[in-house]
Amino acid sequence: MTGEPPARTGPGGPAAGADAAPPPARARTRPWRDRLVALAWMALIWCLLWGRFTWGNLVAGLLVAAAVLVFFPLPPVTFGGRLRPRALLVLLGRFLTELVVASAHVAWLAVRFGHRPRDAIIAVRLRVRTDLNLALTAELISLVPGTLIIEVDRDRGVLYVHVLDARGPEDLAASRRRVLVTEARLVRAIGSPAELRLLDTPAPADPGRPGGFADAVRPVDRGPEK
């Protein structure tokens, strides 16, 4: 006999309790990483809303984002993905291209004489239903002129999108594909391997909406014609 006390055991295995190993450094730093990612995204969205990337807008966006995180804490959104610089550049490049093209299209609709555009509300179910993906996809869609998110069904992962100048079923299908393509670019830029695998699944069927909120196409009410 050596006289040494037996090793303590418990539900967590040997050396439980006071002798338990501390959590790994990666687990301790993850909340700070998530906050920094949220800070960067909110600052970016602030600059996009102002329409100009300047040092003043960037600093103001960082201050506003910091105030939101401190005084209005957001629900914990775990970022389990990884940044891919090449895919992120593709996402930003395509977004800026769509921004320019959509702005020109909306401007043409505003000055086109005698044309009455028709609008639509479509329901699009995303393949990746995390809060972060829903929020970022909704932001990217709403920042492009001619499309606007009017509601998000968090439980079912559905975005309800208002679309301008939808002339028929082909335009509705094209708008739905555009939302799914935007989601795919976003996931390829910052998604996890598991989320990337979800992109290989077939696109979900049109979800509709409980309570009769189906896809609709209706003329924009511009008052009596002169």
Protein backbone atom coordinates (compact mmCIF):
# COMPACT_ATOMS: atom_id res chain seq x y z
CA MET A 1 0.00 0.00 0.00
CA THR A 2 1.29 3.43 -0.86
CA GLY A 3 -0.96 5.41 1.44
CA GLU A 4 -2.21 7.62 -1.41
CA PRO A 5 -5.93 8.44 -1.43
CA PRO A 6 -7.94 6.84 -4.21
CA ALA A 7 -8.67 8.91 -7.27
CA ARG A 8 -11.99 10.67 -7.07
CA THR A 9 -14.56 9.79 -9.64
CA GLY A 10 -17.94 11.17 -10.47
CA PRO A 11 -20.43 11.60 -13.26
CA GLY A 12 -17.78 13.34 -15.33
CA GLY A 13 -15.18 10.59 -14.93
CA PRO A 14 -11.92 10.60 -12.95
CA ALA A 15 -10.75 13.73 -11.20
CA ALA A 16 -14.16 15.38 -11.37
CA GLY A 17 -15.04 18.44 -9.35
CA ALA A 18 -12.22 20.75 -8.32
CA ASP A 19 -9.64 18.78 -10.32
CA ALA A 20 -11.66 18.97 -13.56
CA ALA A 21 -9.78 20.39 -16.53
CA PRO A 22 -10.66 23.96 -17.48
CA PRO A 23 -12.54 24.53 -20.72
CA PRO A 24 -10.30 24.78 -23.77
CA ALA A 25 -9.08 28.20 -24.83
CA ARG A 26 -11.06 27.97 -28.09
CA ALA A 27 -14.35 27.61 -26.18
CA ARG A 28 -13.48 30.61 -23.99
CA THR A 29 -12.64 32.86 -26.95
CA ARG A 30 -15.66 31.88 -29.09
CA PRO A 31 -18.09 34.45 -27.52
CA TRP A 32 -15.60 37.24 -28.23
CA ARG A 33 -15.16 36.03 -31.79
CA ASP A 34 -18.94 36.01 -32.29
CA ARG A 35 -19.19 39.56 -30.94
CA LEU A 36 -16.44 40.76 -33.27
CA VAL A 37 -18.17 39.16 -36.26
CA ALA A 38 -21.47 40.81 -35.28
CA LEU A 39 -19.67 44.14 -34.81
CA ALA A 40 -18.08 43.93 -38.26
CA TRP A 41 -21.33 42.95 -40.02
CA MET A 42 -23.33 45.74 -38.37
CA ALA A 43 -20.67 48.28 -39.29
CA LEU A 44 -20.75 47.03 -42.89
CA ILE A 45 -24.54 47.27 -43.03
CA TRP A 46 -24.34 50.81 -41.61
CA CYS A 47 -22.01 51.85 -44.44
CA LEU A 48 -24.25 50.17 -47.04
CA LEU A 49 -27.30 52.00 -45.71
CA TRP A 50 -25.48 55.34 -46.02
CA GLY A 51 -24.37 54.38 -49.52
CA ARG A 52 -20.76 55.51 -49.06
CA PHE A 53 -17.69 53.81 -47.63
CA THR A 54 -15.83 56.57 -45.78
CA TRP A 55 -13.74 56.59 -42.63
CA GLY A 56 -16.43 58.66 -40.92
CA ASN A 57 -19.19 56.19 -41.80
CA LEU A 58 -16.99 53.26 -40.76
CA VAL A 59 -16.17 54.78 -37.36
CA ALA A 60 -19.81 55.77 -36.82
CA GLY A 61 -20.93 52.26 -37.77
CA LEU A 62 -18.50 50.69 -35.31
CA LEU A 63 -19.69 53.02 -32.53
CA VAL A 64 -23.36 52.31 -33.24
CA ALA A 65 -22.70 48.56 -33.44
CA ALA A 66 -20.78 48.65 -30.14
CA ALA A 67 -23.63 50.56 -28.47
CA VAL A 68 -26.17 48.00 -29.75
CA LEU A 69 -24.09 45.10 -28.44
CA VAL A 70 -23.60 46.76 -25.03
CA PHE A 71 -27.00 48.33 -24.34
CA PHE A 72 -29.27 46.06 -26.42
CA PRO A 73 -27.66 42.62 -26.23
CA LEU A 74 -28.64 40.44 -29.15
CA PRO A 75 -29.65 36.80 -28.69
CA PRO A 76 -26.61 34.52 -28.87
CA VAL A 77 -25.94 33.63 -32.50
CA THR A 78 -23.21 31.03 -32.80
CA PHE A 79 -20.90 31.46 -35.76
CA GLY A 80 -19.60 28.02 -36.57
CA GLY A 81 -18.47 28.81 -40.10
CA ARG A 82 -15.23 29.98 -41.60
CA LEU A 83 -14.35 32.97 -43.74
CA ARG A 84 -13.34 32.14 -47.30
CA PRO A 85 -11.75 35.26 -48.88
CA ARG A 86 -12.28 34.23 -52.50
CA ALA A 87 -15.96 33.37 -52.02
CA LEU A 88 -16.40 36.57 -49.98
CA LEU A 89 -15.02 38.63 -52.88
CA VAL A 90 -17.42 36.85 -55.26
CA LEU A 91 -20.31 37.64 -52.88
CA LEU A 92 -19.40 41.34 -52.66
CA GLY A 93 -18.73 41.64 -56.39
CA ARG A 94 -22.04 40.07 -57.40
CA PHE A 95 -23.88 42.13 -54.80
CA LEU A 96 -22.44 45.40 -56.15
CA THR A 97 -23.28 44.34 -59.71
CA GLU A 98 -26.87 43.54 -58.78
CA LEU A 99 -27.07 46.83 -56.87
CA VAL A 100 -26.10 48.84 -59.97
CA VAL A 101 -28.32 46.87 -62.36
CA ALA A 102 -31.36 47.00 -60.04
CA SER A 103 -30.89 50.73 -59.41
CA ALA A 104 -30.88 51.40 -63.15
CA HIS A 105 -33.98 49.21 -63.62
CA VAL A 106 -35.93 50.99 -60.88
CA ALA A 107 -34.87 54.38 -62.26
CA TRP A 108 -36.12 53.35 -65.70
CA LEU A 109 -39.47 52.26 -64.23
CA ALA A 110 -39.79 55.65 -62.53
CA VAL A 111 -39.44 57.62 -65.78
CA ARG A 112 -41.03 55.17 -68.22
CA PHE A 113 -44.19 56.80 -69.51
CA GLY A 114 -47.42 54.82 -69.52
CA HIS A 115 -46.00 51.69 -67.88
CA ARG A 116 -47.73 50.40 -64.75
CA PRO A 117 -45.42 47.92 -63.00
CA ARG A 118 -46.91 45.01 -61.11
CA ASP A 119 -45.59 43.89 -57.75
CA ALA A 120 -45.62 40.52 -56.03
CA ILE A 121 -45.08 38.87 -52.68
CA ILE A 122 -43.23 35.56 -52.82
CA ALA A 123 -42.35 33.08 -50.08
CA VAL A 124 -38.88 31.54 -50.28
CA ARG A 125 -37.75 28.78 -47.91
CA LEU A 126 -34.00 28.84 -47.33
CA ARG A 127 -31.90 25.68 -47.12
CA VAL A 128 -29.81 26.89 -44.16
CA ARG A 129 -32.19 27.99 -41.40
CA THR A 130 -29.79 29.47 -38.85
CA ASP A 131 -30.61 32.90 -37.44
CA LEU A 132 -27.40 34.32 -38.87
CA ASN A 133 -28.13 33.08 -42.38
CA LEU A 134 -31.73 34.31 -42.26
CA ALA A 135 -30.65 37.76 -41.09
CA LEU A 136 -27.77 38.23 -43.53
CA THR A 137 -29.68 36.90 -46.53
CA ALA A 138 -32.61 39.17 -45.69
CA GLU A 139 -30.25 42.18 -45.43
CA LEU A 140 -28.59 41.46 -48.77
CA ILE A 141 -31.96 41.05 -50.52
CA SER A 142 -33.45 44.20 -48.97
CA LEU A 143 -30.44 46.36 -49.88
CA VAL A 144 -31.01 45.71 -53.60
CA PRO A 145 -33.60 48.15 -55.07
CA GLY A 146 -36.78 46.45 -56.22
CA THR A 147 -36.82 43.75 -53.53
CA LEU A 148 -37.73 44.09 -49.88
CA ILE A 149 -38.16 41.58 -47.06
CA ILE A 150 -41.53 42.20 -45.44
CA GLU A 151 -41.55 39.27 -43.00
CA VAL A 152 -39.35 36.42 -41.77
CA ASP A 153 -40.75 33.12 -40.55
CA ARG A 154 -37.93 32.02 -38.26
CA ASP A 155 -39.44 28.64 -37.36
CA ARG A 156 -39.81 27.50 -40.97
CA GLY A 157 -36.85 29.42 -42.39
CA VAL A 158 -39.04 31.35 -44.86
CA LEU A 159 -38.48 34.85 -46.23
CA TYR A 160 -41.44 36.80 -47.61
CA VAL A 161 -40.12 39.08 -50.33
CA HIS A 162 -41.85 42.00 -52.03
CA VAL A 163 -40.78 42.11 -55.68
CA LEU A 164 -41.24 45.08 -58.01
CA ASP A 165 -42.18 44.71 -61.68
CA ALA A 166 -43.23 41.04 -61.62
CA ARG A 167 -45.03 40.53 -64.91
CA GLY A 168 -45.77 36.82 -64.69
CA PRO A 169 -44.81 33.40 -63.34
CA GLU A 170 -41.39 33.58 -65.03
CA ASP A 171 -40.48 36.71 -63.09
CA LEU A 172 -41.67 35.10 -59.85
CA ALA A 173 -39.52 32.03 -60.48
CA ALA A 174 -36.52 34.21 -61.37
CA SER A 175 -36.93 36.24 -58.16
CA ARG A 176 -37.12 33.06 -56.09
CA ARG A 177 -33.98 31.72 -57.75
CA ARG A 178 -32.20 35.01 -57.09
CA VAL A 179 -32.91 34.72 -53.36
CA LEU A 180 -31.60 31.14 -53.25
CA VAL A 181 -28.50 32.10 -55.25
CA THR A 182 -27.79 34.93 -52.81
CA GLU A 183 -28.11 32.50 -49.93
CA ALA A 184 -25.72 30.08 -51.66
CA ARG A 185 -23.09 32.80 -52.20
CA LEU A 186 -23.36 33.83 -48.56
CA VAL A 187 -22.99 30.28 -47.25
CA ARG A 188 -20.01 29.63 -49.53
CA ALA A 189 -18.38 32.78 -48.14
CA ILE A 190 -18.89 32.24 -44.41
CA GLY A 191 -20.74 28.95 -43.90
CA SER A 192 -19.63 25.81 -42.10
CA PRO A 193 -18.91 22.51 -43.92
CA ALA A 194 -22.28 21.17 -42.75
CA GLU A 195 -24.06 24.24 -44.16
CA LEU A 196 -22.21 23.84 -47.46
CA ARG A 197 -23.53 20.30 -47.75
CA LEU A 198 -27.08 21.61 -47.37
CA LEU A 199 -26.62 23.62 -50.58
CA ASP A 200 -26.41 20.34 -52.50
CA THR A 201 -29.95 19.43 -51.48
CA PRO A 202 -32.79 20.24 -53.90
CA ALA A 203 -34.38 23.65 -53.47
CA PRO A 204 -37.38 23.47 -51.11
CA ALA A 205 -40.83 23.56 -52.60
CA ASP A 206 -42.78 26.79 -52.50
CA PRO A 207 -43.86 27.01 -48.86
CA GLY A 208 -46.89 29.25 -49.18
CA ARG A 209 -48.12 30.65 -45.91
CA PRO A 210 -50.53 29.45 -43.23
CA GLY A 211 -53.63 31.54 -43.24
CA GLY A 212 -53.90 32.14 -46.97
CA PHE A 213 -50.92 34.45 -47.57
CA ALA A 214 -50.11 32.93 -50.96
CA ASP A 215 -47.94 34.34 -53.73
CA ALA A 216 -49.78 37.20 -55.37
CA VAL A 217 -49.27 39.49 -58.32
CA ARG A 218 -51.21 42.72 -58.31
CA PRO A 219 -50.88 46.09 -60.05
CA VAL A 220 -49.31 48.93 -58.13
CA ASP A 221 -51.95 51.48 -57.21
CA ARG A 222 -50.76 54.72 -58.80
CA GLY A 223 -54.08 56.49 -58.77
CA PRO A 224 -56.36 57.28 -61.73
CA GLU A 225 -54.73 57.50 -65.10
CA LYS A 226 -54.69 60.91 -66.77
